[in-house]
Amino acid sequence: MAIRPIVITGNPVLHTRAQEVTVFDEELRTLVADMYDTMDKAPGVGLAAPQIGVPLRIFVYDYADDNGNERRGVLINPELTISEVSDEPADEDTEVEGCLSVPGERFPLKRAEFATVTGVDLDQKPVRIEAEGWFARIFQHEFDHLNGTLYVDRLAEPWKTIAAEVVEDNGWGIDGKSWLPGRDNLEG
C-alpha cells in the first residue's frame, strides 16, 4: 500500500467533524491499509483518517499493553463512552500525550481512565472494546480527531498557552502544512 502525508494543525480537515462512512468497498480497504502503513512508519499508536486529509469517521490503532498483548484494529463510524474525568491536574510525567498532527510535541492532558468504543470493522461487523489506562487514552485521542478536536485544544493552562506558542513558532496553524513519515524527520 502507501504511506500518506500527515497534515499538521491548521488544516481545516483536522478542525471539522468527519463524515460517516457509507460506502464499504475496495477504496475503503485501500484507505485503511494506507492508514496502517502511515501509522506504522510515523511511528504512532493510532491514526485517524482526517490526519491524512480524509474527512471520514475512521481510525486505526496499534497498542501493546504492559503484558505484551498486541491490540491492532480499525474502527469505522465509532461511538465513545468514557468514565468521569478527574478534576485533578494532569500528571506531567505519566499523563503526557503527543499527536502526529502536532509533530514532536508532548503535553500533559487529563483523560478518562476507562472508555468503551463501538463501531464496525471493514466487513461491517460490530466491534465493541472496553479499555482502560493508555488504551482508553488512545481511543479518546483518535475519537477527538473525528470530531475536529486536537489534544492541544483540550489542554489546561499553562500548557494551552505553551502549545499555542509552539504552533506559532513552527509556522503551523495554517492550511497546507504536512509531513511524510519516512522522509521528514518528525514524530508526534
Protein backbone atom coordinates (compact mmCIF):
# COMPACT_ATOMS: atom_id res chain seq x y z
CA MET A 1 0.00 0.00 0.00
CA ALA A 2 1.17 3.59 0.52
CA ILE A 3 2.40 5.96 3.18
CA ARG A 4 0.44 9.19 3.06
CA PRO A 5 1.40 12.68 4.27
CA ILE A 6 0.14 13.58 7.74
CA VAL A 7 -1.48 17.01 7.87
CA ILE A 8 -0.44 19.41 10.62
CA THR A 9 -2.70 21.52 12.83
CA GLY A 10 -4.27 24.34 10.84
CA ASN A 11 -5.56 22.14 8.03
CA PRO A 12 -9.37 22.54 8.03
CA VAL A 13 -9.93 18.75 7.90
CA LEU A 14 -8.41 18.50 11.40
CA HIS A 15 -10.80 21.09 12.80
CA THR A 16 -14.08 19.85 11.28
CA ARG A 17 -16.31 16.90 12.23
CA ALA A 18 -15.62 13.97 9.90
CA GLN A 19 -18.38 12.36 7.84
CA GLU A 20 -19.89 8.92 8.42
CA VAL A 21 -18.59 6.14 6.18
CA THR A 22 -21.43 4.96 3.93
CA VAL A 23 -19.58 3.01 1.23
CA PHE A 24 -17.65 -0.14 2.16
CA ASP A 25 -15.63 -1.06 -0.92
CA GLU A 26 -12.08 -1.69 -2.15
CA GLU A 27 -11.32 2.03 -2.00
CA LEU A 28 -12.11 1.97 1.74
CA ARG A 29 -9.91 -1.13 2.21
CA THR A 30 -7.04 0.64 0.43
CA LEU A 31 -7.52 3.73 2.60
CA VAL A 32 -7.38 1.64 5.80
CA ALA A 33 -4.29 -0.25 4.58
CA ASP A 34 -2.62 3.10 3.83
CA MET A 35 -3.59 4.32 7.31
CA TYR A 36 -1.89 1.30 8.92
CA ASP A 37 1.23 1.81 6.79
CA THR A 38 1.35 5.52 7.64
CA MET A 39 0.78 4.93 11.37
CA ASP A 40 3.48 2.24 11.47
CA LYS A 41 6.03 4.36 9.61
CA ALA A 42 5.37 7.51 11.68
CA PRO A 43 5.51 5.62 14.20
CA GLY A 44 2.27 6.07 16.10
CA VAL A 45 -0.19 4.08 18.20
CA GLY A 46 -3.21 5.49 16.39
CA LEU A 47 -4.16 7.43 13.28
CA ALA A 48 -7.48 8.97 12.27
CA ALA A 49 -8.46 9.46 8.62
CA PRO A 50 -8.61 13.28 8.99
CA GLN A 51 -4.90 13.20 9.88
CA ILE A 52 -4.16 12.12 6.31
CA GLY A 53 -6.61 14.64 4.89
CA VAL A 54 -9.60 12.29 4.55
CA PRO A 55 -12.74 13.60 6.29
CA LEU A 56 -14.18 10.19 7.24
CA ARG A 57 -15.00 8.67 10.64
CA ILE A 58 -12.28 6.00 10.68
CA PHE A 59 -9.30 5.36 12.90
CA VAL A 60 -6.72 2.63 13.24
CA TYR A 61 -4.78 1.73 16.35
CA ASP A 62 -1.86 -0.46 17.40
CA TYR A 63 -1.10 -0.80 21.09
CA ALA A 64 0.81 -3.39 23.10
CA ASP A 65 -0.15 -3.42 26.77
CA ASP A 66 2.23 -3.98 29.69
CA ASN A 67 1.83 -7.75 29.27
CA GLY A 68 2.86 -7.59 25.61
CA ASN A 69 -0.67 -8.24 24.30
CA GLU A 70 -0.86 -6.64 20.88
CA ARG A 71 -4.11 -4.85 20.08
CA ARG A 72 -4.43 -3.69 16.50
CA GLY A 73 -7.55 -2.79 14.61
CA VAL A 74 -9.77 -0.38 12.79
CA LEU A 75 -12.95 1.34 13.95
CA ILE A 76 -15.36 2.80 11.44
CA ASN A 77 -18.17 5.15 12.48
CA PRO A 78 -17.24 4.74 16.15
CA GLU A 79 -19.12 5.89 19.22
CA LEU A 80 -17.30 6.50 22.50
CA THR A 81 -18.41 6.34 26.10
CA ILE A 82 -15.99 7.38 28.84
CA SER A 83 -15.86 7.38 32.61
CA GLU A 84 -15.72 10.64 34.51
CA VAL A 85 -12.59 12.72 34.01
CA SER A 86 -10.94 13.71 37.28
CA ASP A 87 -10.69 17.40 38.16
CA GLU A 88 -7.10 16.84 39.31
CA PRO A 89 -4.38 18.38 37.13
CA ALA A 90 -2.72 16.05 34.63
CA ASP A 91 0.45 14.41 35.89
CA GLU A 92 3.40 15.90 33.99
CA ASP A 93 5.23 12.55 33.98
CA THR A 94 2.56 9.90 33.44
CA GLU A 95 -0.22 11.70 31.53
CA VAL A 96 1.76 13.25 28.70
CA GLU A 97 0.30 12.93 25.22
CA GLY A 98 1.55 13.58 21.71
CA CYS A 99 -0.03 13.79 18.26
CA LEU A 100 1.25 13.15 14.76
CA SER A 101 -0.56 16.34 13.64
CA VAL A 102 1.37 18.40 16.21
CA PRO A 103 4.64 16.59 15.50
CA GLY A 104 7.41 16.32 18.02
CA GLU A 105 5.47 17.92 20.88
CA ARG A 106 4.10 16.40 24.08
CA PHE A 107 1.94 17.96 26.77
CA PRO A 108 0.13 16.69 29.88
CA LEU A 109 -3.60 16.10 29.44
CA LYS A 110 -6.13 14.60 31.81
CA ARG A 111 -8.28 11.89 30.21
CA ALA A 112 -10.87 9.43 31.47
CA GLU A 113 -9.40 6.23 32.87
CA PHE A 114 -12.00 4.00 31.16
CA ALA A 115 -13.52 4.06 27.69
CA THR A 116 -15.84 1.89 25.66
CA VAL A 117 -15.77 2.24 21.92
CA THR A 118 -18.21 0.68 19.48
CA GLY A 119 -18.31 0.77 15.71
CA VAL A 120 -17.82 -1.58 12.78
CA ASP A 121 -14.84 -3.10 11.00
CA LEU A 122 -14.14 -3.26 7.26
CA ASP A 123 -16.67 -6.09 6.86
CA GLN A 124 -19.30 -4.01 8.71
CA LYS A 125 -19.17 -6.43 11.64
CA PRO A 126 -19.84 -4.84 15.03
CA VAL A 127 -16.84 -4.05 17.22
CA ARG A 128 -17.01 -3.26 20.94
CA ILE A 129 -13.89 -2.69 23.02
CA GLU A 130 -13.59 -1.78 26.67
CA ALA A 131 -10.29 -0.10 27.50
CA GLU A 132 -8.52 1.41 30.46
CA GLY A 133 -5.39 3.46 31.02
CA TRP A 134 -3.32 4.21 27.93
CA PHE A 135 -5.52 2.08 25.70
CA ALA A 136 -8.52 4.21 26.75
CA ARG A 137 -6.44 7.35 26.13
CA ILE A 138 -5.72 6.23 22.54
CA PHE A 139 -9.42 5.79 21.80
CA GLN A 140 -10.29 9.18 23.29
CA HIS A 141 -7.50 10.87 21.31
CA GLU A 142 -8.46 9.30 17.97
CA PHE A 143 -12.19 9.82 18.54
CA ASP A 144 -11.49 13.51 19.18
CA HIS A 145 -9.86 13.71 15.74
CA LEU A 146 -13.12 12.53 14.18
CA ASN A 147 -14.92 15.43 15.87
CA GLY A 148 -12.41 18.09 14.77
CA THR A 149 -10.63 18.34 18.12
CA LEU A 150 -6.88 18.04 18.67
CA TYR A 151 -5.48 17.16 22.07
CA VAL A 152 -3.86 20.62 22.29
CA ASP A 153 -7.40 22.08 22.14
CA ARG A 154 -8.13 20.33 25.46
CA LEU A 155 -5.03 21.38 27.37
CA ALA A 156 -5.24 23.21 30.68
CA GLU A 157 -3.09 26.25 31.42
CA PRO A 158 -0.18 26.82 31.27
CA TRP A 159 0.12 24.06 28.66
CA LYS A 160 -2.57 25.53 26.39
CA THR A 161 -0.60 28.80 26.04
CA ILE A 162 2.71 26.96 25.61
CA ALA A 163 1.19 24.75 22.88
CA ALA A 164 -0.21 27.80 21.08
CA GLU A 165 3.25 29.39 21.14
CA VAL A 166 4.82 26.18 19.75
CA VAL A 167 2.26 26.12 16.92
CA GLU A 168 3.01 29.76 16.09
CA ASP A 169 6.81 29.33 16.37
CA ASN A 170 6.69 26.38 13.95
CA GLY A 171 4.60 28.27 11.41
CA TRP A 172 1.70 25.84 11.85
CA GLY A 173 -1.93 26.73 12.38
CA ILE A 174 -2.46 27.41 8.68
CA ASP A 175 -3.64 25.17 5.86
CA GLY A 176 -1.11 23.39 3.67
CA LYS A 177 1.36 22.05 6.24
CA SER A 178 2.13 18.31 6.32
CA TRP A 179 4.94 15.82 6.82
CA LEU A 180 5.66 12.42 5.30
CA PRO A 181 6.73 9.59 7.60
CA GLY A 182 9.95 8.04 6.40
CA ARG A 183 11.02 11.18 4.57
CA ASP A 184 10.66 14.00 7.09
CA ASN A 185 12.36 13.77 10.47
CA LEU A 186 9.27 14.50 12.58
CA GLU A 187 7.25 12.50 15.04
CA GLY A 188 4.42 13.14 17.44
